[in-house]
Amino acid sequence: MKIYVLLLCFGILVSGCGQQPEGPQPLVVGMELAYPPFEMTDEKGDPSGVSVDMAKALAGNLERPLEIRNMSFDGLIPALKTGSIDLIISSMTATEERAKSIDFSDPYLHTELSLLTSKGSGVETVADLNHAGRVVVVKLGTTGDVYAKAHLDKATLRVLDKENACVMEVVQGKADAFLFDQLSVYQNAKRHPDTTEAKLASFQRESWAIGIRQGEDELKAQVNEFLEDFRNEGGFEKLGETYLGEFQKGFRELGIPFVFDPPAAGK
């Protein structure tokens, strides 16, 4: 009888331990940590950059611990749709095609597609590329990839899965141009001044937004409220000062509107 009572008490204790309240679920954010200064790793190998700091601020606002999952850019939407991640914060352009399978927050940043060209190629505008014999390189799954397939059917198109690989095609003279966003084109031309040129004239305006699984209306509303408050409180200006000071100065000297300059997001 005593053994039965002891076992009964033990069972109640075990059951009670299993029912203790759990803490808030982590906010799992997917991004490709290979796109500095927005998504990258620091000297210790930890996630760093504009998007990382924004994700930290968002998780803090939602009072949830943050988990960042590093994955290839073209794997982000499948991971979101299957529930492996809660959000995409990875410099992703909100396009009509992507919006067929996922939702997007309000835009938080604008950018433009432009060209990194090989020196001596004679390419000045994107129209110069749509000719037989021209070689164009793009990163898999990006809006540059989509644009080239839709508009540059006469050129030879090379689709690679890494930005650095695309840049090296231009550096080595294997491609006439790389289609990518203005900030990255500017940055890569600075790194390779002897072999490349930045043609920053825009041929497609784009807006970046946070990717959200369809049907997650409450989370979408929370994200949009955060973005509005973050902007009003000067959060984007601080990120610009921390990570993008050099680029802000360079763009303004060239007379090009910068990504965080008004009227950036939401327009």
Protein backbone atom coordinates (compact mmCIF):
# COMPACT_ATOMS: atom_id res chain seq x y z
CA MET A 1 0.00 0.00 0.00
CA LYS A 2 2.81 2.40 0.91
CA ILE A 3 4.55 1.58 -2.38
CA TYR A 4 1.35 2.35 -4.30
CA VAL A 5 0.97 5.70 -2.55
CA LEU A 6 4.59 6.60 -3.25
CA LEU A 7 4.24 5.67 -6.91
CA LEU A 8 1.03 7.67 -7.15
CA CYS A 9 2.73 10.72 -5.65
CA PHE A 10 5.72 10.31 -7.99
CA GLY A 11 3.36 10.12 -10.95
CA ILE A 12 1.69 13.36 -9.91
CA LEU A 13 5.06 15.10 -9.54
CA VAL A 14 6.25 13.95 -12.93
CA SER A 15 2.99 15.02 -14.52
CA GLY A 16 3.21 18.39 -12.82
CA CYS A 17 6.76 18.94 -14.09
CA GLY A 18 5.63 18.21 -17.64
CA GLN A 19 2.92 20.85 -17.45
CA GLN A 20 5.08 23.77 -16.41
CA PRO A 21 4.44 26.81 -18.64
CA GLU A 22 6.76 27.15 -21.59
CA GLY A 23 8.53 30.38 -22.54
CA PRO A 24 7.89 32.27 -25.79
CA GLN A 25 8.73 30.37 -28.98
CA PRO A 26 11.83 31.55 -30.85
CA LEU A 27 11.34 33.80 -33.85
CA VAL A 28 13.13 31.81 -36.56
CA VAL A 29 14.43 34.09 -39.30
CA GLY A 30 15.99 32.80 -42.51
CA MET A 31 18.70 34.71 -44.37
CA GLU A 32 21.72 34.07 -46.56
CA LEU A 33 24.73 35.37 -44.63
CA ALA A 34 26.72 36.18 -47.76
CA TYR A 35 25.54 39.66 -48.69
CA PRO A 36 27.52 42.28 -46.76
CA PRO A 37 26.82 44.72 -45.25
CA PHE A 38 23.21 43.50 -44.95
CA GLU A 39 23.68 39.79 -44.16
CA MET A 40 27.11 38.54 -43.18
CA THR A 41 29.20 37.08 -40.35
CA ASP A 42 31.64 38.93 -38.10
CA GLU A 43 35.21 37.92 -37.21
CA LYS A 44 33.85 35.40 -34.70
CA GLY A 45 31.57 33.81 -37.25
CA ASP A 46 28.41 35.26 -35.69
CA PRO A 47 25.60 36.75 -37.81
CA SER A 48 26.04 40.48 -38.41
CA GLY A 49 24.77 43.28 -40.61
CA VAL A 50 21.79 45.49 -41.29
CA SER A 51 19.26 42.66 -41.56
CA VAL A 52 20.64 40.90 -38.49
CA ASP A 53 20.29 44.00 -36.33
CA MET A 54 16.80 44.57 -37.70
CA ALA A 55 15.86 40.96 -36.88
CA LYS A 56 17.17 41.41 -33.34
CA ALA A 57 15.10 44.56 -32.90
CA LEU A 58 12.00 42.83 -34.27
CA ALA A 59 12.41 39.81 -32.00
CA GLY A 60 12.86 42.14 -29.02
CA ASN A 61 9.73 44.01 -29.98
CA LEU A 62 7.79 40.73 -30.13
CA GLU A 63 9.39 39.57 -26.84
CA ARG A 64 10.63 36.37 -28.47
CA PRO A 65 14.15 34.93 -28.56
CA LEU A 66 15.75 35.12 -32.00
CA GLU A 67 17.08 32.20 -34.03
CA ILE A 68 18.81 32.96 -37.34
CA ARG A 69 19.12 30.19 -39.89
CA ASN A 70 21.69 30.67 -42.63
CA MET A 71 20.63 29.13 -45.95
CA SER A 72 20.96 29.65 -49.68
CA PHE A 73 18.85 32.48 -51.08
CA ASP A 74 16.87 30.22 -53.41
CA GLY A 75 16.01 27.96 -50.44
CA LEU A 76 14.43 30.71 -48.34
CA ILE A 77 10.91 30.68 -49.80
CA PRO A 78 10.60 26.86 -49.69
CA ALA A 79 11.77 26.94 -46.05
CA LEU A 80 9.16 29.57 -45.20
CA LYS A 81 6.35 27.71 -46.93
CA THR A 82 7.15 24.44 -45.13
CA GLY A 83 7.37 26.13 -41.72
CA SER A 84 11.11 25.66 -41.18
CA ILE A 85 11.41 29.42 -40.62
CA ASP A 86 8.94 32.10 -39.52
CA LEU A 87 10.22 35.04 -41.57
CA ILE A 88 12.62 35.92 -44.38
CA ILE A 89 14.81 38.97 -43.75
CA SER A 90 17.41 38.69 -46.47
CA SER A 91 17.33 41.76 -48.75
CA MET A 92 14.50 40.12 -50.66
CA THR A 93 12.67 42.11 -53.31
CA ALA A 94 8.89 41.95 -53.03
CA THR A 95 7.87 40.85 -56.53
CA GLU A 96 4.48 39.90 -57.94
CA GLU A 97 5.74 36.41 -58.71
CA ARG A 98 7.00 35.79 -55.18
CA ALA A 99 3.78 37.23 -53.73
CA LYS A 100 1.87 34.38 -55.37
CA SER A 101 3.34 31.95 -52.84
CA ILE A 102 4.23 34.08 -49.78
CA ASP A 103 3.11 37.34 -48.18
CA PHE A 104 5.28 40.42 -47.70
CA SER A 105 5.44 43.11 -45.09
CA ASP A 106 5.30 46.77 -46.00
CA PRO A 107 8.51 47.73 -47.87
CA TYR A 108 11.36 48.87 -45.65
CA LEU A 109 14.00 49.81 -48.24
CA HIS A 110 14.27 50.65 -51.94
CA THR A 111 17.02 49.89 -54.40
CA GLU A 112 17.63 49.80 -58.15
CA LEU A 113 18.97 47.19 -60.54
CA SER A 114 22.17 48.30 -62.27
CA LEU A 115 25.22 46.88 -64.04
CA LEU A 116 28.71 45.80 -63.07
CA THR A 117 30.51 45.75 -66.42
CA SER A 118 33.85 44.51 -67.63
CA LYS A 119 36.21 47.37 -68.49
CA GLY A 120 36.47 47.82 -72.22
CA SER A 121 33.25 45.92 -72.90
CA GLY A 122 31.58 48.99 -74.40
CA VAL A 123 28.44 48.35 -72.35
CA GLU A 124 26.82 51.55 -71.09
CA THR A 125 23.19 50.55 -70.57
CA VAL A 126 21.23 47.34 -70.19
CA ALA A 127 20.01 47.72 -73.80
CA ASP A 128 23.60 47.20 -74.98
CA LEU A 129 23.48 43.65 -73.63
CA ASN A 130 20.63 42.29 -75.71
CA HIS A 131 22.78 41.28 -78.67
CA ALA A 132 24.27 38.03 -79.91
CA GLY A 133 27.77 37.56 -78.55
CA ARG A 134 27.09 39.41 -75.29
CA VAL A 135 27.53 37.36 -72.11
CA VAL A 136 25.46 38.25 -69.05
CA VAL A 137 25.86 36.71 -65.61
CA VAL A 138 23.20 36.70 -62.87
CA LYS A 139 22.73 35.18 -59.44
CA LEU A 140 20.23 32.33 -59.23
CA GLY A 141 16.79 33.31 -57.95
CA THR A 142 17.39 37.07 -57.92
CA THR A 143 15.46 39.77 -59.73
CA GLY A 144 18.48 40.19 -62.01
CA ASP A 145 17.98 36.56 -63.03
CA VAL A 146 14.29 37.17 -63.74
CA TYR A 147 14.97 40.39 -65.66
CA ALA A 148 17.65 38.84 -67.88
CA LYS A 149 15.45 35.87 -68.80
CA ALA A 150 12.59 38.20 -69.71
CA HIS A 151 14.48 40.95 -71.54
CA LEU A 152 17.89 39.71 -72.73
CA ASP A 153 16.96 36.74 -74.86
CA LYS A 154 19.60 37.48 -77.53
CA ALA A 155 22.51 37.41 -75.06
CA THR A 156 24.20 34.35 -73.59
CA LEU A 157 23.02 34.01 -69.98
CA ARG A 158 25.06 32.40 -67.20
CA VAL A 159 23.23 31.70 -63.94
CA LEU A 160 25.43 31.10 -60.87
CA ASP A 161 24.47 30.57 -57.24
CA LYS A 162 26.99 32.91 -55.56
CA GLU A 163 27.47 36.66 -55.89
CA ASN A 164 31.27 36.36 -55.74
CA ALA A 165 31.26 33.85 -58.58
CA CYS A 166 29.22 36.27 -60.70
CA VAL A 167 31.59 39.13 -59.93
CA MET A 168 34.63 37.04 -60.87
CA GLU A 169 33.11 36.27 -64.27
CA VAL A 170 33.17 40.02 -64.96
CA VAL A 171 36.58 40.58 -63.33
CA GLN A 172 38.13 37.88 -65.52
CA GLY A 173 36.45 39.15 -68.68
CA LYS A 174 34.33 36.03 -69.11
CA ALA A 175 31.10 38.07 -68.93
CA ASP A 176 30.25 41.54 -70.17
CA ALA A 177 28.02 42.43 -67.24
CA PHE A 178 26.50 41.29 -63.95
CA LEU A 179 22.96 42.45 -63.17
CA PHE A 180 22.56 43.27 -59.47
CA ASP A 181 21.51 45.99 -57.05
CA GLN A 182 23.21 49.40 -57.05
CA LEU A 183 24.84 49.06 -53.63
CA SER A 184 26.54 45.76 -54.46
CA VAL A 185 27.58 46.96 -57.92
CA TYR A 186 29.14 50.09 -56.40
CA GLN A 187 30.92 48.02 -53.74
CA ASN A 188 32.30 45.45 -56.19
CA ALA A 189 33.51 48.11 -58.63
CA LYS A 190 35.45 49.71 -55.78
CA ARG A 191 37.06 46.34 -55.02
CA HIS A 192 38.06 45.71 -58.65
CA PRO A 193 38.73 49.16 -60.15
CA ASP A 194 41.21 47.89 -62.77
CA THR A 195 38.87 45.38 -64.39
CA THR A 196 35.29 46.51 -63.73
CA GLU A 197 33.05 49.57 -63.95
CA ALA A 198 29.84 50.45 -62.12
CA LYS A 199 27.01 51.57 -64.41
CA LEU A 200 24.62 52.74 -61.70
CA ALA A 201 21.87 54.16 -63.92
CA SER A 202 18.73 52.33 -62.82
CA PHE A 203 16.77 50.13 -65.20
CA GLN A 204 14.39 48.65 -62.60
CA ARG A 205 13.25 50.06 -59.25
CA GLU A 206 12.70 47.56 -56.45
CA SER A 207 11.55 47.45 -52.84
CA TRP A 208 12.74 45.04 -50.16
CA ALA A 209 10.31 43.57 -47.64
CA ILE A 210 10.09 40.86 -44.99
CA GLY A 211 8.73 37.53 -46.24
CA ILE A 212 5.86 36.05 -44.23
CA ARG A 213 4.00 32.75 -44.64
CA GLN A 214 0.56 33.16 -46.18
CA GLY A 215 -2.21 33.11 -43.58
CA GLU A 216 -0.02 34.52 -40.79
CA ASP A 217 -2.09 37.71 -40.62
CA GLU A 218 -1.43 38.45 -36.94
CA LEU A 219 2.33 38.15 -37.38
CA LYS A 220 2.16 40.29 -40.53
CA ALA A 221 0.34 43.04 -38.62
CA GLN A 222 2.94 42.87 -35.83
CA VAL A 223 5.80 43.11 -38.33
CA ASN A 224 4.26 46.11 -40.09
CA GLU A 225 3.67 47.89 -36.80
CA PHE A 226 7.30 47.27 -35.84
CA LEU A 227 8.59 48.63 -39.15
CA GLU A 228 6.58 51.83 -38.78
CA ASP A 229 7.77 52.38 -35.21
CA PHE A 230 11.37 51.49 -36.10
CA ARG A 231 11.39 54.04 -38.90
CA ASN A 232 9.76 56.76 -36.77
CA GLU A 233 12.28 56.16 -33.99
CA GLY A 234 15.25 56.57 -36.34
CA GLY A 235 16.18 52.88 -36.46
CA PHE A 236 16.98 52.84 -40.16
CA GLU A 237 19.09 55.99 -39.90
CA LYS A 238 21.14 54.33 -37.16
CA LEU A 239 21.64 51.21 -39.28
CA GLY A 240 22.77 53.41 -42.16
CA GLU A 241 25.30 55.20 -39.96
CA THR A 242 26.61 51.89 -38.57
CA TYR A 243 26.97 49.88 -41.77
CA LEU A 244 26.50 52.12 -44.79
CA GLY A 245 28.27 55.42 -44.12
CA GLU A 246 30.81 55.00 -46.94
CA PHE A 247 28.11 54.15 -49.45
CA GLN A 248 25.84 57.01 -48.38
CA LYS A 249 28.64 59.49 -49.04
CA GLY A 250 29.57 57.94 -52.39
CA PHE A 251 26.00 57.82 -53.66
CA ARG A 252 25.32 61.41 -52.69
CA GLU A 253 28.47 62.56 -54.47
CA LEU A 254 27.15 60.83 -57.60
CA GLY A 255 23.71 62.37 -57.16
CA ILE A 256 22.04 58.98 -56.70
CA PRO A 257 19.26 58.64 -54.09
CA PHE A 258 20.41 56.33 -51.31
CA VAL A 259 18.46 53.34 -50.03
CA PHE A 260 17.59 54.91 -46.66
CA ASP A 261 17.04 58.43 -47.98
CA PRO A 262 13.42 59.64 -48.03
CA PRO A 263 11.15 58.64 -49.62
CA ALA A 264 12.66 55.15 -49.33
CA ALA A 265 10.38 52.42 -48.01
CA GLY A 266 6.67 52.46 -48.52
CA LYS A 267 6.77 54.28 -51.89
